């Protein structure tokens, strides 16, 4: 593409963005810390999911210092339900590193940013271009799709090179966001709205009718169907929780006991195994409902069982990662959205009995 054509495309995109951009809270500021939080939340997560979390997180942790000093469990609790919890762990680690090495300031240097936990090419480019107006591309899934369709690009290297070449010297942050916005609102994965696109006359995919540029998600047969029974263990008005290991999926979050069924194992046997109840201390559980959920590549079917635990029952629960909590205390524990769904199943069961 010639310099003249590149300039025309930039102007069209920026003009369209000015008139059509969504009014999002992180677009009203230029604070690099707040932009870092927003861009981290937006990794593999839709805007509508992020919005209920963003303001609350910034209210609790308005700067690097407050985030660095916060207990990780509190950070995870405020992230609870947003998914991809490693992001919250990385934010906490990066904030502590920034306090030690950079007096709490967000670096303006690309390599320094990339060295922080959880900051990859996209997040570094977004922070530098939006907060500091530096000419770095910010290539997320939306941008990959837009540029691949526009220029008939075949791989990630070509996409990044074109994104870099297109960046204007002024307003690089707005231009990056214009590409993201175009992919999020018009250049959809399956049914793009080409008629409303400001650069449809330049689009190679529109001319050829082939919109299948680059794999956009896992293939259907890459997903794994999983049965994951969960146990609501109740004793004297309290519910049994356990905390996941630091190295596991959903690390350090609290959960109801349960897990993936091994081969053709029965749900009750699997749950007794998770509860270390080889002696059969618990009476037979009642199945009170079921939920569906997705975590990374897993499509989960989770039947929920209620165990009423006798006061005298001996429970073989080693270590300190197990805790009894009243129903009113459950909101104080960082949990995944799947466990929150299971607790709603339990709550509905109890209301139906009353």
Protein backbone atom coordinates (compact mmCIF):
# COMPACT_ATOMS: atom_id res chain seq x y z
CA UNK A 1 0.00 0.00 0.00
CA UNK A 2 1.35 3.40 -0.98
CA UNK A 3 1.95 6.16 1.56
CA UNK A 4 -0.93 8.13 0.01
CA UNK A 5 -3.35 5.21 0.35
CA UNK A 6 -2.17 4.54 3.90
CA UNK A 7 -2.87 8.13 4.86
CA UNK A 8 -6.35 7.99 3.35
CA UNK A 9 -7.13 4.77 5.24
CA UNK A 10 -5.92 6.29 8.52
CA UNK A 11 -8.09 9.35 8.03
CA UNK A 12 -11.17 7.26 7.29
CA UNK A 13 -10.66 5.06 10.31
CA UNK A 14 -9.97 7.91 12.71
CA UNK A 15 -12.94 9.93 11.44
CA UNK A 16 -15.20 6.90 11.83
CA UNK A 17 -13.82 6.22 15.33
CA UNK A 18 -14.45 9.79 16.49
CA UNK A 19 -18.10 9.56 15.47
CA UNK A 20 -18.87 5.97 16.44
CA UNK A 21 -16.66 4.89 19.36
CA UNK A 22 -18.41 3.50 22.39
CA UNK A 23 -18.31 5.62 25.54
CA UNK A 24 -16.13 3.40 27.75
CA UNK A 25 -14.63 4.53 31.08
CA UNK A 26 -11.01 3.76 30.12
CA UNK A 27 -11.35 5.99 27.06
CA UNK A 28 -12.03 9.07 29.19
CA UNK A 29 -8.60 9.01 30.84
CA UNK A 30 -4.91 8.89 29.99
CA UNK A 31 -3.69 7.45 33.32
CA UNK A 32 -1.27 4.64 32.35
CA UNK A 33 -2.13 2.65 35.49
CA UNK A 34 -5.87 2.70 34.78
CA UNK A 35 -5.23 1.83 31.12
CA UNK A 36 -3.03 -1.10 32.23
CA UNK A 37 -5.86 -2.41 34.42
CA UNK A 38 -8.40 -2.02 31.60
CA UNK A 39 -6.24 -3.70 28.98
CA UNK A 40 -5.48 -6.59 31.33
CA UNK A 41 -9.17 -7.10 32.06
CA UNK A 42 -9.96 -6.98 28.34
CA UNK A 43 -7.56 -9.82 27.49
CA UNK A 44 -9.78 -12.59 26.04
CA UNK A 45 -12.79 -10.96 27.73
CA UNK A 46 -15.64 -8.97 26.22
CA UNK A 47 -16.26 -5.33 27.12
CA UNK A 48 -19.72 -6.08 28.56
CA UNK A 49 -18.11 -8.56 30.99
CA UNK A 50 -15.39 -6.12 32.07
CA UNK A 51 -17.60 -3.07 32.69
CA UNK A 52 -19.11 -4.22 36.03
CA UNK A 53 -15.61 -4.90 37.41
CA UNK A 54 -13.50 -1.99 36.19
CA UNK A 55 -14.68 0.90 38.38
CA UNK A 56 -14.86 -1.24 41.51
CA UNK A 57 -11.33 -2.52 41.02
CA UNK A 58 -9.95 1.00 40.53
CA UNK A 59 -11.87 2.25 43.55
CA UNK A 60 -10.29 -0.46 45.69
CA UNK A 61 -6.83 -0.11 44.12
CA UNK A 62 -6.52 3.41 42.64
CA UNK A 63 -2.77 3.21 42.01
CA UNK A 64 0.20 0.87 41.87
CA UNK A 65 0.99 1.31 45.57
CA UNK A 66 -2.46 0.23 46.82
CA UNK A 67 -2.45 -2.76 44.47
CA UNK A 68 1.03 -3.80 45.57
CA UNK A 69 0.12 -3.63 49.27
CA UNK A 70 -3.19 -5.47 48.92
CA UNK A 71 -3.37 -9.11 50.04
CA UNK A 72 -3.63 -11.34 46.99
CA UNK A 73 -6.80 -12.90 48.30
CA UNK A 74 -8.48 -9.48 48.25
CA UNK A 75 -7.31 -8.87 44.68
CA UNK A 76 -8.70 -12.27 43.65
CA UNK A 77 -11.97 -11.58 45.47
CA UNK A 78 -12.55 -8.40 43.46
CA UNK A 79 -11.64 -10.30 40.28
CA UNK A 80 -13.96 -13.17 41.20
CA UNK A 81 -16.19 -14.05 38.25
CA UNK A 82 -14.12 -12.23 35.62
CA UNK A 83 -12.22 -15.37 34.65
CA UNK A 84 -8.61 -16.07 33.63
CA UNK A 85 -7.50 -15.52 37.22
CA UNK A 86 -3.81 -15.67 36.39
CA UNK A 87 -4.28 -12.08 35.17
CA UNK A 88 -5.10 -10.92 38.70
CA UNK A 89 -2.08 -12.79 40.10
CA UNK A 90 0.13 -11.13 37.48
CA UNK A 91 -1.25 -7.67 38.25
CA UNK A 92 -0.42 -8.14 41.91
CA UNK A 93 3.10 -9.43 41.15
CA UNK A 94 3.78 -6.68 38.62
CA UNK A 95 2.62 -3.96 41.03
CA UNK A 96 5.00 -5.20 43.71
CA UNK A 97 7.82 -5.32 41.19
CA UNK A 98 7.05 -1.74 40.09
CA UNK A 99 7.17 -0.52 43.68
CA UNK A 100 10.55 -2.17 44.22
CA UNK A 101 12.20 -1.11 40.96
CA UNK A 102 10.35 1.89 39.56
CA UNK A 103 8.84 3.75 42.53
CA UNK A 104 5.38 2.68 41.43
CA UNK A 105 5.53 4.34 38.01
CA UNK A 106 4.44 2.61 34.79
CA UNK A 107 7.48 2.44 32.48
CA UNK A 108 7.50 4.28 29.17
CA UNK A 109 9.96 1.76 27.76
CA UNK A 110 8.70 -1.23 25.76
CA UNK A 111 11.26 -3.74 27.06
CA UNK A 112 10.68 -2.71 30.66
CA UNK A 113 6.94 -3.17 30.25
CA UNK A 114 7.36 -6.56 28.58
CA UNK A 115 9.50 -7.71 31.51
CA UNK A 116 6.56 -7.31 33.91
CA UNK A 117 4.42 -10.37 34.72
CA UNK A 118 1.36 -10.66 32.48
CA UNK A 119 2.35 -7.95 29.98
CA UNK A 120 2.79 -9.23 26.45
CA UNK A 121 3.19 -7.51 23.10
CA UNK A 122 -0.44 -6.43 22.91
CA UNK A 123 -0.72 -4.95 26.41
CA UNK A 124 2.64 -3.17 26.14
CA UNK A 125 1.65 -1.68 22.80
CA UNK A 126 -1.75 -0.59 24.12
CA UNK A 127 -0.27 1.14 27.19
CA UNK A 128 2.49 2.91 25.25
CA UNK A 129 0.26 4.07 22.40
CA UNK A 130 -2.82 5.07 24.42
CA UNK A 131 -1.22 6.48 27.58
CA UNK A 132 2.06 7.80 26.14
CA UNK A 133 1.25 8.30 22.42
CA UNK A 134 4.19 6.18 21.31
CA UNK A 135 4.11 4.42 17.92
CA UNK A 136 3.64 0.80 18.97
CA UNK A 137 1.00 -1.51 17.50
CA UNK A 138 -1.56 -3.18 19.77
CA UNK A 139 -2.59 -6.34 17.95
CA UNK A 140 -5.42 -8.24 19.63
CA UNK A 141 -7.83 -10.72 18.05
CA UNK A 142 -10.01 -7.95 16.64
CA UNK A 143 -7.07 -6.18 15.01
CA UNK A 144 -5.75 -9.45 13.55
CA UNK A 145 -9.12 -10.12 11.97
CA UNK A 146 -9.50 -6.59 10.55
CA UNK A 147 -6.02 -6.40 9.05
CA UNK A 148 -6.09 -9.97 7.73
CA UNK A 149 -9.30 -9.23 5.86
CA UNK A 150 -8.27 -5.79 4.68
CA UNK A 151 -4.92 -6.82 3.20
CA UNK A 152 -5.26 -10.59 2.63
CA UNK A 153 -2.54 -11.33 5.20
CA UNK A 154 -1.56 -14.93 5.89
CA UNK A 155 0.19 -15.02 9.27
CA UNK A 156 0.91 -13.18 12.49
CA UNK A 157 4.21 -11.76 11.24
CA UNK A 158 2.52 -10.09 8.29
CA UNK A 159 -0.25 -8.73 10.51
CA UNK A 160 2.17 -7.15 12.99
CA UNK A 161 4.30 -5.66 10.23
CA UNK A 162 1.25 -4.08 8.59
CA UNK A 163 -0.06 -2.79 11.94
CA UNK A 164 3.31 -1.13 12.56
CA UNK A 165 3.48 0.35 9.06
CA UNK A 166 -0.01 1.85 9.33
CA UNK A 167 0.52 3.62 12.66
CA UNK A 168 0.36 7.42 12.32
CA UNK A 169 2.92 9.65 14.00
CA UNK A 170 0.15 11.50 15.81
CA UNK A 171 -2.70 9.78 17.68
CA UNK A 172 -1.30 6.23 17.52
CA UNK A 173 -3.44 5.28 20.53
CA UNK A 174 -6.64 6.41 18.84
CA UNK A 175 -5.67 4.57 15.68
CA UNK A 176 -5.03 1.32 17.57
CA UNK A 177 -8.37 1.71 19.32
CA UNK A 178 -10.09 2.46 16.00
CA UNK A 179 -8.88 -0.89 14.63
CA UNK A 180 -10.02 -2.66 17.80
CA UNK A 181 -13.39 -0.92 17.70
CA UNK A 182 -13.91 -1.81 14.05
CA UNK A 183 -13.28 -5.48 14.82
CA UNK A 184 -15.46 -5.44 17.93
CA UNK A 185 -18.47 -3.71 16.38
CA UNK A 186 -18.51 -4.16 12.57
CA UNK A 187 -15.88 -6.63 11.36
CA UNK A 188 -17.40 -9.53 13.27
CA UNK A 189 -16.01 -13.07 13.02
CA UNK A 190 -19.02 -14.61 11.28
CA UNK A 191 -21.28 -11.90 9.82
CA UNK A 192 -19.33 -8.66 9.22
CA UNK A 193 -21.33 -5.49 8.60
CA UNK A 194 -19.43 -4.45 5.48
CA UNK A 195 -22.01 -1.86 4.42
CA UNK A 196 -21.22 0.27 7.51
CA UNK A 197 -17.44 -0.23 7.38
CA UNK A 198 -15.50 3.00 6.71
CA UNK A 199 -12.78 1.16 4.74
CA UNK A 200 -14.89 -1.35 2.82
CA UNK A 201 -13.63 -0.09 -0.54
CA UNK A 202 -10.06 -1.11 0.43
CA UNK A 203 -10.99 -4.53 1.84
CA UNK A 204 -9.56 -7.56 0.03
CA UNK A 205 -11.94 -9.94 1.80
CA UNK A 206 -14.99 -7.98 0.66
CA UNK A 207 -13.78 -8.03 -2.91
CA UNK A 208 -13.11 -11.78 -2.89
CA UNK A 209 -16.03 -12.77 -0.65
CA UNK A 210 -13.65 -14.83 1.52
CA UNK A 211 -13.88 -13.71 5.15
CA UNK A 212 -12.20 -16.75 6.72
CA UNK A 213 -8.87 -15.10 7.48
CA UNK A 214 -6.74 -16.75 10.17
CA UNK A 215 -8.17 -19.11 12.80
CA UNK A 216 -10.22 -16.99 15.20
CA UNK A 217 -10.89 -19.57 17.88
CA UNK A 218 -10.45 -23.21 18.69
CA UNK A 219 -12.05 -25.66 16.34
CA UNK A 220 -15.15 -27.32 17.67
CA UNK A 221 -13.44 -30.68 18.09
CA UNK A 222 -10.61 -29.08 20.11
CA UNK A 223 -12.97 -28.64 23.06
CA UNK A 224 -13.30 -31.30 25.71
CA UNK A 225 -16.66 -32.29 27.23
CA UNK A 226 -16.22 -32.80 30.97
CA UNK A 227 -18.45 -34.01 33.80
CA UNK A 228 -17.44 -32.16 36.98
CA UNK A 229 -19.68 -32.94 39.99
CA UNK A 230 -19.68 -30.47 42.87
CA UNK A 231 -20.49 -31.10 46.52
CA UNK A 232 -22.31 -28.69 48.81
CA UNK A 233 -21.30 -30.13 52.18
CA UNK A 234 -23.40 -28.66 54.98
CA UNK A 235 -22.89 -28.99 58.72
CA UNK A 236 -24.60 -26.94 61.41
CA UNK A 237 -25.49 -24.19 58.96
CA UNK A 238 -22.00 -23.93 57.45
CA UNK A 239 -20.69 -24.87 53.99
CA UNK A 240 -17.37 -26.60 53.38
CA UNK A 241 -14.91 -24.78 51.08
CA UNK A 242 -11.44 -25.61 49.89
CA UNK A 243 -8.76 -23.48 48.26
CA UNK A 244 -7.21 -24.59 45.00
CA UNK A 245 -3.47 -25.09 44.68
CA UNK A 246 -1.32 -22.20 43.47
CA UNK A 247 -0.26 -24.16 40.37
CA UNK A 248 -3.71 -25.32 39.26
CA UNK A 249 -6.35 -23.86 36.95
CA UNK A 250 -8.23 -21.17 38.95
CA UNK A 251 -5.22 -20.99 41.29
CA UNK A 252 -5.84 -19.96 44.91
CA UNK A 253 -9.58 -19.55 44.46
CA UNK A 254 -11.98 -21.09 46.92
CA UNK A 255 -14.39 -23.70 45.64
CA UNK A 256 -16.87 -26.38 46.53
CA UNK A 257 -15.23 -29.81 46.64
CA UNK A 258 -15.44 -31.60 43.32
CA UNK A 259 -13.57 -32.25 40.14
CA UNK A 260 -13.46 -33.93 36.78
CA UNK A 261 -14.74 -37.50 36.72
CA UNK A 262 -12.12 -40.10 35.88
CA UNK A 263 -13.34 -42.27 32.97
CA UNK A 264 -16.70 -43.82 33.94
CA UNK A 265 -16.44 -43.12 37.66
CA UNK A 266 -19.76 -42.45 39.39
CA UNK A 267 -20.31 -38.89 40.61
CA UNK A 268 -20.82 -39.88 44.25
CA UNK A 269 -17.61 -41.93 44.30
CA UNK A 270 -15.70 -39.06 42.71
CA UNK A 271 -17.01 -36.62 45.32
CA UNK A 272 -16.16 -38.91 48.23
CA UNK A 273 -12.66 -39.20 46.80
CA UNK A 274 -12.38 -35.40 46.65
CA UNK A 275 -13.60 -35.22 50.25
CA UNK A 276 -11.11 -37.86 51.41
CA UNK A 277 -14.12 -39.85 52.64
CA UNK A 278 -12.91 -43.38 51.99
CA UNK A 279 -14.53 -44.56 55.23
CA UNK A 280 -18.01 -43.41 54.17
CA UNK A 281 -18.52 -40.87 56.98
CA UNK A 282 -21.07 -38.94 54.92
CA UNK A 283 -24.60 -40.20 54.27
CA UNK A 284 -25.74 -40.59 50.66
CA UNK A 285 -25.95 -37.18 48.95
CA UNK A 286 -28.98 -35.69 47.16
CA UNK A 287 -28.66 -34.39 43.62
CA UNK A 288 -30.17 -30.87 43.76
CA UNK A 289 -29.44 -29.52 40.28
CA UNK A 290 -26.99 -29.10 37.46
CA UNK A 291 -25.18 -26.28 35.67
CA UNK A 292 -23.23 -25.78 32.45
CA UNK A 293 -20.00 -23.84 32.29
CA UNK A 294 -16.89 -23.29 30.17
CA UNK A 295 -13.30 -22.96 31.40
CA UNK A 296 -10.53 -22.57 28.78
CA UNK A 297 -11.04 -25.54 26.44
CA UNK A 298 -13.44 -27.45 28.72
CA UNK A 299 -17.21 -27.60 28.28
CA UNK A 300 -18.38 -28.57 31.73
CA UNK A 301 -21.54 -30.30 32.89
CA UNK A 302 -21.61 -29.96 36.68
CA UNK A 303 -24.26 -31.86 38.67
CA UNK A 304 -24.57 -30.43 42.18
CA UNK A 305 -24.97 -32.74 45.18
CA UNK A 306 -25.92 -31.84 48.75
CA UNK A 307 -24.20 -33.71 51.59
CA UNK A 308 -25.68 -33.16 55.04
CA UNK A 309 -22.73 -33.92 57.24
CA UNK A 310 -23.45 -35.28 60.74
CA UNK A 311 -21.77 -33.29 63.49
CA UNK A 312 -19.91 -36.36 64.69
CA UNK A 313 -18.61 -37.35 61.27
CA UNK A 314 -14.85 -37.50 60.90
CA UNK A 315 -13.60 -35.66 57.84
CA UNK A 316 -10.14 -36.43 56.57
CA UNK A 317 -9.22 -32.95 55.38
CA UNK A 318 -5.46 -32.38 55.51
CA UNK A 319 -3.82 -28.97 55.64
CA UNK A 320 -5.22 -25.48 56.04
CA UNK A 321 -6.87 -25.12 52.63
CA UNK A 322 -10.25 -26.25 53.92
CA UNK A 323 -12.70 -24.02 55.75
CA UNK A 324 -16.27 -24.01 57.01
CA UNK A 325 -18.18 -20.81 56.17
CA UNK A 326 -21.66 -19.56 56.88
CA UNK A 327 -23.83 -18.68 53.90
CA UNK A 328 -23.49 -14.98 54.75
CA UNK A 329 -19.67 -15.30 54.66
CA UNK A 330 -19.47 -16.89 51.20
CA UNK A 331 -19.24 -13.54 49.39
CA UNK A 332 -15.99 -12.83 51.25
CA UNK A 333 -14.18 -15.67 49.46
CA UNK A 334 -12.73 -15.27 45.93
CA UNK A 335 -14.49 -17.88 43.80
CA UNK A 336 -14.92 -18.67 40.14
CA UNK A 337 -18.20 -17.97 38.39
CA UNK A 338 -18.81 -21.73 38.14
CA UNK A 339 -18.81 -22.06 41.92
CA UNK A 340 -21.09 -19.02 42.24
CA UNK A 341 -23.50 -20.74 39.85
CA UNK A 342 -23.42 -23.88 42.00
CA UNK A 343 -24.17 -21.85 45.11
CA UNK A 344 -27.16 -20.31 43.30
CA UNK A 345 -28.36 -23.86 42.56
CA UNK A 346 -28.10 -24.59 46.29
CA UNK A 347 -29.86 -21.32 47.21
CA UNK A 348 -32.71 -22.09 44.82
CA UNK A 349 -33.03 -25.58 46.26
CA UNK A 350 -33.30 -24.19 49.78
CA UNK A 351 -35.91 -21.60 48.74
CA UNK A 352 -38.02 -24.27 47.08
CA UNK A 353 -38.06 -26.23 50.33
CA UNK A 354 -39.18 -23.28 52.46
